[in-house]
């Protein structure tokens, strides 16, 4: 039988519904009041590949809550008041590849259980590190190639991505309200090929472009700096600043909607790699 999509979002549920077909493959439970996920909570729905339990006021998860979800590939667990994880809560999810979760909560996952997250390939966090550096759990994510984060601080520090040194990250999307990117902030991201940092009105050109020096002579798929640089009065890109972009072998540069008014006439002539 073909998998089914069952949407039980925003129904004030206090329990996992039983009326969805057993062959449900996508279960949407966001915006309910589940509170607790007890033992083997999802036994009825063993064919789930997608589960959204965001905004469900979940405060506790039993260690066996996800038992039998051996086909689950995508789990959304955003905006719940759970304070910390027990050991091996995610262990039954052997096919989990995409996880949406608070960074603060993820950082509580017990170190002895970090192998549970080693197969994740895409991670979305709706917050960033309170101390300016991402959790060491990222060092265990040996297959992570996509990371999207709503970064909470105004500065990306040189040490922010230190835990990514062993992570094969290829695409990084950063949202938030940045003002400064320190010059070696992206140095640990040795395999990065797509960097997306849009809608940062308070970024300064002189506090952003120099951080791209770590990508010199690297082949990259995309650099997206659209809708940035609007509020600090730096509206002209000098040839020296533009060289930080020109020294990257880029397939695509997104530069639309910026406050930039002029690029130095010599900037394009000095580009090492020309955009096609």
C-alpha atoms as a PDB file:
ATOM      1  CA  UNK A   1       0.000   0.000   0.000  1.00  0.00           C
ATOM      2  CA  UNK A   2       1.124   3.521  -0.792  1.00  0.00           C
ATOM      3  CA  UNK A   3       2.152   5.724   2.127  1.00  0.00           C
ATOM      4  CA  UNK A   4      -0.310   8.305   3.410  1.00  0.00           C
ATOM      5  CA  UNK A   5      -0.061  11.887   4.648  1.00  0.00           C
ATOM      6  CA  UNK A   6      -1.974  12.574   7.871  1.00  0.00           C
ATOM      7  CA  UNK A   7      -2.247  16.164   9.137  1.00  0.00           C
ATOM      8  CA  UNK A   8      -3.342  16.486  12.774  1.00  0.00           C
ATOM      9  CA  UNK A   9      -1.719  19.865  13.378  1.00  0.00           C
ATOM     10  CA  UNK A  10      -3.316  22.490  15.631  1.00  0.00           C
ATOM     11  CA  UNK A  11      -6.060  20.276  17.068  1.00  0.00           C
ATOM     12  CA  UNK A  12      -5.292  20.739  20.772  1.00  0.00           C
ATOM     13  CA  UNK A  13      -4.381  17.056  21.008  1.00  0.00           C
ATOM     14  CA  UNK A  14      -2.942  15.756  24.273  1.00  0.00           C
ATOM     15  CA  UNK A  15      -2.146  12.301  22.856  1.00  0.00           C
ATOM     16  CA  UNK A  16      -0.952  10.689  19.637  1.00  0.00           C
ATOM     17  CA  UNK A  17      -4.026  10.202  17.423  1.00  0.00           C
ATOM     18  CA  UNK A  18      -5.053   6.688  16.437  1.00  0.00           C
ATOM     19  CA  UNK A  19      -7.354   7.513  13.535  1.00  0.00           C
ATOM     20  CA  UNK A  20      -4.582   7.896  10.947  1.00  0.00           C
ATOM     21  CA  UNK A  21      -4.029   4.870   8.680  1.00  0.00           C
ATOM     22  CA  UNK A  22      -1.348   2.439   9.806  1.00  0.00           C
ATOM     23  CA  UNK A  23       0.514   2.979   6.546  1.00  0.00           C
ATOM     24  CA  UNK A  24       0.852   6.722   7.223  1.00  0.00           C
ATOM     25  CA  UNK A  25       4.272   7.846   6.036  1.00  0.00           C
ATOM     26  CA  UNK A  26       3.986  11.560   6.899  1.00  0.00           C
ATOM     27  CA  UNK A  27       2.500  12.576  10.254  1.00  0.00           C
ATOM     28  CA  UNK A  28       2.003  16.254  11.090  1.00  0.00           C
ATOM     29  CA  UNK A  29       1.361  16.908  14.779  1.00  0.00           C
ATOM     30  CA  UNK A  30       2.698  20.446  15.191  1.00  0.00           C
ATOM     31  CA  UNK A  31       0.941  22.917  17.494  1.00  0.00           C
ATOM     32  CA  UNK A  32      -0.639  20.452  19.887  1.00  0.00           C
ATOM     33  CA  UNK A  33      -0.212  19.838  23.629  1.00  0.00           C
ATOM     34  CA  UNK A  34       1.381  16.399  23.840  1.00  0.00           C
ATOM     35  CA  UNK A  35       3.526  17.167  26.914  1.00  0.00           C
ATOM     36  CA  UNK A  36       4.993  13.643  27.281  1.00  0.00           C
ATOM     37  CA  UNK A  37       6.202  11.097  24.750  1.00  0.00           C
ATOM     38  CA  UNK A  38       5.927   7.840  26.658  1.00  0.00           C
ATOM     39  CA  UNK A  39       7.158   4.323  25.988  1.00  0.00           C
ATOM     40  CA  UNK A  40       6.946   3.282  22.330  1.00  0.00           C
ATOM     41  CA  UNK A  41       4.621   6.188  21.581  1.00  0.00           C
ATOM     42  CA  UNK A  42       4.495   5.631  17.832  1.00  0.00           C
ATOM     43  CA  UNK A  43       3.980   1.856  17.725  1.00  0.00           C
ATOM     44  CA  UNK A  44       0.946   2.255  15.439  1.00  0.00           C
ATOM     45  CA  UNK A  45       2.893   4.203  12.824  1.00  0.00           C
ATOM     46  CA  UNK A  46       5.910   2.084  11.996  1.00  0.00           C
ATOM     47  CA  UNK A  47       6.036   3.263   8.368  1.00  0.00           C
ATOM     48  CA  UNK A  48       6.652   6.919   9.130  1.00  0.00           C
ATOM     49  CA  UNK A  49       9.328   8.621   7.047  1.00  0.00           C
ATOM     50  CA  UNK A  50       8.412  12.158   8.209  1.00  0.00           C
ATOM     51  CA  UNK A  51       7.283  13.336  11.649  1.00  0.00           C
ATOM     52  CA  UNK A  52       6.592  16.907  12.772  1.00  0.00           C
ATOM     53  CA  UNK A  53       6.179  17.333  16.533  1.00  0.00           C
ATOM     54  CA  UNK A  54       7.188  20.985  16.734  1.00  0.00           C
ATOM     55  CA  UNK A  55       5.390  23.363  19.107  1.00  0.00           C
ATOM     56  CA  UNK A  56       3.829  20.494  21.065  1.00  0.00           C
ATOM     57  CA  UNK A  57       4.815  21.579  24.591  1.00  0.00           C
ATOM     58  CA  UNK A  58       6.864  18.395  24.977  1.00  0.00           C
ATOM     59  CA  UNK A  59       8.683  18.334  28.319  1.00  0.00           C
ATOM     60  CA  UNK A  60       9.733  14.671  28.523  1.00  0.00           C
ATOM     61  CA  UNK A  61      10.682  11.873  26.114  1.00  0.00           C
ATOM     62  CA  UNK A  62      10.960   8.271  27.230  1.00  0.00           C
ATOM     63  CA  UNK A  63      14.079   6.460  26.066  1.00  0.00           C
ATOM     64  CA  UNK A  64      11.915   4.087  23.997  1.00  0.00           C
ATOM     65  CA  UNK A  65       9.517   6.722  22.598  1.00  0.00           C
ATOM     66  CA  UNK A  66      10.835   6.379  19.038  1.00  0.00           C
ATOM     67  CA  UNK A  67      11.111   2.588  19.038  1.00  0.00           C
ATOM     68  CA  UNK A  68       9.841   0.984  15.816  1.00  0.00           C
ATOM     69  CA  UNK A  69      10.363   4.144  13.745  1.00  0.00           C
ATOM     70  CA  UNK A  70      13.031   2.417  11.701  1.00  0.00           C
ATOM     71  CA  UNK A  71      11.993   4.165   8.462  1.00  0.00           C
ATOM     72  CA  UNK A  72      11.910   7.733   9.787  1.00  0.00           C
ATOM     73  CA  UNK A  73      14.120  10.010   7.696  1.00  0.00           C
ATOM     74  CA  UNK A  74      12.954  13.501   8.686  1.00  0.00           C
ATOM     75  CA  UNK A  75      12.139  14.663  12.242  1.00  0.00           C
ATOM     76  CA  UNK A  76      10.999  18.186  13.120  1.00  0.00           C
ATOM     77  CA  UNK A  77      11.267  18.934  16.835  1.00  0.00           C
ATOM     78  CA  UNK A  78      11.344  22.717  17.104  1.00  0.00           C
ATOM     79  CA  UNK A  79      10.117  25.013  19.859  1.00  0.00           C
ATOM     80  CA  UNK A  80       9.445  22.503  22.625  1.00  0.00           C
ATOM     81  CA  UNK A  81      10.290  23.176  26.314  1.00  0.00           C
ATOM     82  CA  UNK A  82      12.246  19.929  26.764  1.00  0.00           C
ATOM     83  CA  UNK A  83      15.399  20.849  28.715  1.00  0.00           C
ATOM     84  CA  UNK A  84      17.679  17.877  28.020  1.00  0.00           C
ATOM     85  CA  UNK A  85      17.847  14.480  26.353  1.00  0.00           C
ATOM     86  CA  UNK A  86      18.220  11.082  27.948  1.00  0.00           C
ATOM     87  CA  UNK A  87      20.831   8.738  26.529  1.00  0.00           C
ATOM     88  CA  UNK A  88      20.077   7.064  23.196  1.00  0.00           C
ATOM     89  CA  UNK A  89      16.641   8.614  22.657  1.00  0.00           C
ATOM     90  CA  UNK A  90      17.436   8.919  18.945  1.00  0.00           C
ATOM     91  CA  UNK A  91      19.121   5.513  18.698  1.00  0.00           C
ATOM     92  CA  UNK A  92      16.068   3.713  17.217  1.00  0.00           C
ATOM     93  CA  UNK A  93      16.002   6.203  14.317  1.00  0.00           C
ATOM     94  CA  UNK A  94      18.596   4.398  12.242  1.00  0.00           C
ATOM     95  CA  UNK A  95      17.413   6.015   8.981  1.00  0.00           C
ATOM     96  CA  UNK A  96      17.198   9.579  10.318  1.00  0.00           C
ATOM     97  CA  UNK A  97      18.870  11.966   7.887  1.00  0.00           C
ATOM     98  CA  UNK A  98      17.160  15.347   8.411  1.00  0.00           C
ATOM     99  CA  UNK A  99      16.705  16.868  11.871  1.00  0.00           C
ATOM    100  CA  UNK A 100      15.171  20.226  12.846  1.00  0.00           C
ATOM    101  CA  UNK A 101      15.871  21.066  16.476  1.00  0.00           C
ATOM    102  CA  UNK A 102      17.051  23.732  18.910  1.00  0.00           C
ATOM    103  CA  UNK A 103      20.839  23.955  19.111  1.00  0.00           C
ATOM    104  CA  UNK A 104      20.561  24.460  22.871  1.00  0.00           C
ATOM    105  CA  UNK A 105      18.643  21.190  23.204  1.00  0.00           C
ATOM    106  CA  UNK A 106      20.879  19.305  20.770  1.00  0.00           C
ATOM    107  CA  UNK A 107      23.909  20.325  22.822  1.00  0.00           C
ATOM    108  CA  UNK A 108      22.471  18.385  25.807  1.00  0.00           C
ATOM    109  CA  UNK A 109      22.560  15.069  23.945  1.00  0.00           C
ATOM    110  CA  UNK A 110      24.771  12.794  26.089  1.00  0.00           C
ATOM    111  CA  UNK A 111      28.301  12.393  24.756  1.00  0.00           C
ATOM    112  CA  UNK A 112      28.191   8.617  25.149  1.00  0.00           C
ATOM    113  CA  UNK A 113      25.265   8.582  22.680  1.00  0.00           C
ATOM    114  CA  UNK A 114      26.732  10.822  19.981  1.00  0.00           C
ATOM    115  CA  UNK A 115      26.927   7.896  17.581  1.00  0.00           C
ATOM    116  CA  UNK A 116      23.120   8.236  17.298  1.00  0.00           C
ATOM    117  CA  UNK A 117      23.541  11.371  15.165  1.00  0.00           C
ATOM    118  CA  UNK A 118      26.411  10.247  12.942  1.00  0.00           C
ATOM    119  CA  UNK A 119      24.140   9.491   9.953  1.00  0.00           C
ATOM    120  CA  UNK A 120      22.385  12.874   9.852  1.00  0.00           C
ATOM    121  CA  UNK A 121      23.043  14.713   6.574  1.00  0.00           C
ATOM    122  CA  UNK A 122      20.959  17.885   7.089  1.00  0.00           C
ATOM    123  CA  UNK A 123      20.388  19.891  10.261  1.00  0.00           C
ATOM    124  CA  UNK A 124      18.195  22.944  10.884  1.00  0.00           C
ATOM    125  CA  UNK A 125      18.513  24.854  14.179  1.00  0.00           C
ATOM    126  CA  UNK A 126      16.216  27.707  15.164  1.00  0.00           C
ATOM    127  CA  UNK A 127      18.793  29.137  17.548  1.00  0.00           C
ATOM    128  CA  UNK A 128      22.544  29.361  17.881  1.00  0.00           C
ATOM    129  CA  UNK A 129      25.107  28.894  20.623  1.00  0.00           C
ATOM    130  CA  UNK A 130      24.767  31.207  23.610  1.00  0.00           C
ATOM    131  CA  UNK A 131      28.551  31.200  24.142  1.00  0.00           C
ATOM    132  CA  UNK A 132      29.480  31.910  20.519  1.00  0.00           C
ATOM    133  CA  UNK A 133      30.716  28.413  19.659  1.00  0.00           C
ATOM    134  CA  UNK A 134      28.756  25.455  18.353  1.00  0.00           C
ATOM    135  CA  UNK A 135      28.442  22.309  20.448  1.00  0.00           C
ATOM    136  CA  UNK A 136      31.089  19.610  20.220  1.00  0.00           C
ATOM    137  CA  UNK A 137      28.380  17.189  19.094  1.00  0.00           C
ATOM    138  CA  UNK A 138      29.006  18.456  15.550  1.00  0.00           C
ATOM    139  CA  UNK A 139      32.348  16.663  15.619  1.00  0.00           C
ATOM    140  CA  UNK A 140      30.377  13.389  15.664  1.00  0.00           C
ATOM    141  CA  UNK A 141      28.296  14.286  12.601  1.00  0.00           C
ATOM    142  CA  UNK A 142      30.455  12.519  10.053  1.00  0.00           C
ATOM    143  CA  UNK A 143      27.886  12.821   7.252  1.00  0.00           C
ATOM    144  CA  UNK A 144      26.517  16.321   7.800  1.00  0.00           C
ATOM    145  CA  UNK A 145      26.601  18.290   4.547  1.00  0.00           C
ATOM    146  CA  UNK A 146      23.809  20.877   5.084  1.00  0.00           C
ATOM    147  CA  UNK A 147      23.372  23.189   8.072  1.00  0.00           C
ATOM    148  CA  UNK A 148      20.867  26.026   8.456  1.00  0.00           C
ATOM    149  CA  UNK A 149      20.879  28.135  11.603  1.00  0.00           C
ATOM    150  CA  UNK A 150      19.150  31.198  13.032  1.00  0.00           C
ATOM    151  CA  UNK A 151      22.302  32.543  14.614  1.00  0.00           C
ATOM    152  CA  UNK A 152      21.605  34.476  17.822  1.00  0.00           C
ATOM    153  CA  UNK A 153      24.817  36.468  18.301  1.00  0.00           C
ATOM    154  CA  UNK A 154      25.879  39.527  16.291  1.00  0.00           C
ATOM    155  CA  UNK A 155      29.431  38.201  15.828  1.00  0.00           C
ATOM    156  CA  UNK A 156      30.664  35.015  14.176  1.00  0.00           C
ATOM    157  CA  UNK A 157      33.941  34.418  15.975  1.00  0.00           C
ATOM    158  CA  UNK A 158      37.090  32.677  14.808  1.00  0.00           C
ATOM    159  CA  UNK A 159      36.210  29.863  17.224  1.00  0.00           C
ATOM    160  CA  UNK A 160      32.484  29.597  16.373  1.00  0.00           C
ATOM    161  CA  UNK A 161      32.863  26.638  13.980  1.00  0.00           C
ATOM    162  CA  UNK A 162      35.765  24.859  15.712  1.00  0.00           C
ATOM    163  CA  UNK A 163      33.683  21.718  16.287  1.00  0.00           C
ATOM    164  CA  UNK A 164      33.125  21.406  12.504  1.00  0.00           C
ATOM    165  CA  UNK A 165      36.722  20.477  11.687  1.00  0.00           C
ATOM    166  CA  UNK A 166      35.760  16.829  11.144  1.00  0.00           C
ATOM    167  CA  UNK A 167      32.378  17.607   9.601  1.00  0.00           C
ATOM    168  CA  UNK A 168      32.084  17.357   5.787  1.00  0.00           C
ATOM    169  CA  UNK A 169      29.781  20.389   5.589  1.00  0.00           C
ATOM    170  CA  UNK A 170      29.070  21.565   2.042  1.00  0.00           C
ATOM    171  CA  UNK A 171      26.269  24.107   2.470  1.00  0.00           C
ATOM    172  CA  UNK A 172      25.852  26.647   5.279  1.00  0.00           C
ATOM    173  CA  UNK A 173      22.819  28.942   5.583  1.00  0.00           C
ATOM    174  CA  UNK A 174      23.034  31.630   8.265  1.00  0.00           C
ATOM    175  CA  UNK A 175      20.070  33.761   9.298  1.00  0.00           C
ATOM    176  CA  UNK A 176      20.030  36.302  12.106  1.00  0.00           C
ATOM    177  CA  UNK A 177      21.237  39.843  12.781  1.00  0.00           C
ATOM    178  CA  UNK A 178      24.971  39.769  12.186  1.00  0.00           C
ATOM    179  CA  UNK A 179      27.292  42.744  12.458  1.00  0.00           C
ATOM    180  CA  UNK A 180      30.761  41.169  12.284  1.00  0.00           C
ATOM    181  CA  UNK A 181      32.319  38.018  10.825  1.00  0.00           C
ATOM    182  CA  UNK A 182      35.827  37.566  12.179  1.00  0.00           C
ATOM    183  CA  UNK A 183      38.526  36.978   9.606  1.00  0.00           C
ATOM    184  CA  UNK A 184      39.149  33.246  10.224  1.00  0.00           C
ATOM    185  CA  UNK A 185      35.601  32.310  11.218  1.00  0.00           C
ATOM    186  CA  UNK A 186      35.093  29.926   8.282  1.00  0.00           C
ATOM    187  CA  UNK A 187      38.545  28.316   8.395  1.00  0.00           C
ATOM    188  CA  UNK A 188      37.324  25.004   9.908  1.00  0.00           C
ATOM    189  CA  UNK A 189      34.845  24.511   7.028  1.00  0.00           C
ATOM    190  CA  UNK A 190      37.322  22.925   4.658  1.00  0.00           C
ATOM    191  CA  UNK A 191      34.769  21.326   2.305  1.00  0.00           C
ATOM    192  CA  UNK A 192      32.204  24.130   2.190  1.00  0.00           C
ATOM    193  CA  UNK A 193      30.983  24.890  -1.346  1.00  0.00           C
ATOM    194  CA  UNK A 194      27.839  26.975  -0.711  1.00  0.00           C
ATOM    195  CA  UNK A 195      27.647  29.880   1.743  1.00  0.00           C
ATOM    196  CA  UNK A 196      24.284  31.617   2.146  1.00  0.00           C
ATOM    197  CA  UNK A 197      24.159  34.738   4.359  1.00  0.00           C
ATOM    198  CA  UNK A 198      21.232  36.931   3.221  1.00  0.00           C
ATOM    199  CA  UNK A 199      19.181  39.724   4.816  1.00  0.00           C
ATOM    200  CA  UNK A 200      21.872  41.051   7.157  1.00  0.00           C
ATOM    201  CA  UNK A 201      21.195  44.786   7.150  1.00  0.00           C
ATOM    202  CA  UNK A 202      23.810  45.603   9.778  1.00  0.00           C
ATOM    203  CA  UNK A 203      26.786  43.798   8.281  1.00  0.00           C
ATOM    204  CA  UNK A 204      29.696  45.976   7.161  1.00  0.00           C
ATOM    205  CA  UNK A 205      31.614  45.186   3.998  1.00  0.00           C
ATOM    206  CA  UNK A 206      34.929  45.611   5.810  1.00  0.00           C
ATOM    207  CA  UNK A 207      33.784  43.182   8.543  1.00  0.00           C
ATOM    208  CA  UNK A 208      32.506  40.522   6.127  1.00  0.00           C
ATOM    209  CA  UNK A 209      34.447  40.145   2.886  1.00  0.00           C
ATOM    210  CA  UNK A 210      37.892  39.587   4.493  1.00  0.00           C
ATOM    211  CA  UNK A 211      36.462  36.433   6.107  1.00  0.00           C
ATOM    212  CA  UNK A 212      36.172  34.961   2.606  1.00  0.00           C
ATOM    213  CA  UNK A 213      39.965  34.730   2.321  1.00  0.00           C
ATOM    214  CA  UNK A 214      39.825  31.124   3.568  1.00  0.00           C
ATOM    215  CA  UNK A 215      38.045  30.166   0.324  1.00  0.00           C
ATOM    216  CA  UNK A 216      40.818  31.494  -1.918  1.00  0.00           C
ATOM    217  CA  UNK A 217      41.347  29.238  -4.970  1.00  0.00           C
ATOM    218  CA  UNK A 218      38.504  26.970  -3.833  1.00  0.00           C
ATOM    219  CA  UNK A 219      35.807  25.830  -6.253  1.00  0.00           C
ATOM    220  CA  UNK A 220      32.462  26.853  -4.774  1.00  0.00           C
ATOM    221  CA  UNK A 221      28.928  26.443  -6.078  1.00  0.00           C
ATOM    222  CA  UNK A 222      27.364  29.515  -4.510  1.00  0.00           C
ATOM    223  CA  UNK A 223      27.989  32.629  -2.466  1.00  0.00           C
ATOM    224  CA  UNK A 224      24.787  34.451  -1.494  1.00  0.00           C
ATOM    225  CA  UNK A 225      25.208  37.865   0.129  1.00  0.00           C
ATOM    226  CA  UNK A 226      21.908  39.347  -1.040  1.00  0.00           C
ATOM    227  CA  UNK A 227      20.005  42.051   0.859  1.00  0.00           C
ATOM    228  CA  UNK A 228      22.995  42.979   3.034  1.00  0.00           C
ATOM    229  CA  UNK A 229      25.166  46.015   3.839  1.00  0.00           C
ATOM    230  CA  UNK A 230      22.435  48.641   4.161  1.00  0.00           C
ATOM    231  CA  UNK A 231      22.893  50.525   7.423  1.00  0.00           C
ATOM    232  CA  UNK A 232      26.562  51.290   8.029  1.00  0.00           C
ATOM    233  CA  UNK A 233      27.522  53.712   5.284  1.00  0.00           C
ATOM    234  CA  UNK A 234      29.972  51.409   3.473  1.00  0.00           C
ATOM    235  CA  UNK A 235      28.434  51.469   0.029  1.00  0.00           C
ATOM    236  CA  UNK A 236      31.535  51.299  -2.183  1.00  0.00           C
ATOM    237  CA  UNK A 237      33.546  48.120  -2.757  1.00  0.00           C
ATOM    238  CA  UNK A 238      37.222  48.746  -3.346  1.00  0.00           C
ATOM    239  CA  UNK A 239      39.302  46.532  -5.611  1.00  0.00           C
ATOM    240  CA  UNK A 240      41.051  45.094  -2.560  1.00  0.00           C
ATOM    241  CA  UNK A 241      37.778  44.133  -0.875  1.00  0.00           C
ATOM    242  CA  UNK A 242      36.326  42.682  -4.061  1.00  0.00           C
ATOM    243  CA  UNK A 243      39.436  40.530  -4.458  1.00  0.00           C
ATOM    244  CA  UNK A 244      38.187  38.370  -1.594  1.00  0.00           C
ATOM    245  CA  UNK A 245      35.363  37.337  -3.924  1.00  0.00           C
ATOM    246  CA  UNK A 246      37.411  37.356  -7.119  1.00  0.00           C
ATOM    247  CA  UNK A 247      39.918  34.900  -5.671  1.00  0.00           C
ATOM    248  CA  UNK A 248      37.204  32.240  -5.290  1.00  0.00           C
ATOM    249  CA  UNK A 249      36.327  30.006  -8.229  1.00  0.00           C
ATOM    250  CA  UNK A 250      32.584  30.661  -7.984  1.00  0.00           C
ATOM    251  CA  UNK A 251      29.782  29.214 -10.082  1.00  0.00           C
ATOM    252  CA  UNK A 252      27.164  31.614  -8.740  1.00  0.00           C
ATOM    253  CA  UNK A 253      27.267  34.919  -6.865  1.00  0.00           C
ATOM    254  CA  UNK A 254      24.014  36.371  -5.534  1.00  0.00           C
ATOM    255  CA  UNK A 255      24.415  40.048  -4.819  1.00  0.00           C
ATOM    256  CA  UNK A 256      20.902  41.487  -5.314  1.00  0.00           C
ATOM    257  CA  UNK A 257      19.144  43.940  -3.021  1.00  0.00           C
ATOM    258  CA  UNK A 258      22.303  45.233  -1.358  1.00  0.00           C
ATOM    259  CA  UNK A 259      22.984  48.776  -0.227  1.00  0.00           C
ATOM    260  CA  UNK A 260      26.103  48.794  -2.414  1.00  0.00           C
ATOM    261  CA  UNK A 261      26.156  51.773  -4.775  1.00  0.00           C
ATOM    262  CA  UNK A 262      29.454  51.358  -6.570  1.00  0.00           C
ATOM    263  CA  UNK A 263      32.180  48.810  -7.226  1.00  0.00           C
ATOM    264  CA  UNK A 264      35.667  50.150  -7.971  1.00  0.00           C
ATOM    265  CA  UNK A 265      36.322  50.148 -11.719  1.00  0.00           C
ATOM    266  CA  UNK A 266      39.494  48.092 -11.303  1.00  0.00           C
ATOM    267  CA  UNK A 267      37.800  45.408  -9.218  1.00  0.00           C
ATOM    268  CA  UNK A 268      36.629  43.220 -12.093  1.00  0.00           C
ATOM    269  CA  UNK A 269      39.934  43.483 -13.939  1.00  0.00           C
ATOM    270  CA  UNK A 270      41.747  42.144 -10.901  1.00  0.00           C
ATOM    271  CA  UNK A 271      39.463  39.142 -10.450  1.00  0.00           C
ATOM    272  CA  UNK A 272      41.471  35.937 -10.534  1.00  0.00           C
ATOM    273  CA  UNK A 273      38.381  33.924 -11.441  1.00  0.00           C
ATOM    274  CA  UNK A 274      35.736  35.430 -13.710  1.00  0.00           C
ATOM    275  CA  UNK A 275      32.077  34.636 -13.137  1.00  0.00           C
ATOM    276  CA  UNK A 276      30.507  32.852 -16.093  1.00  0.00           C
END
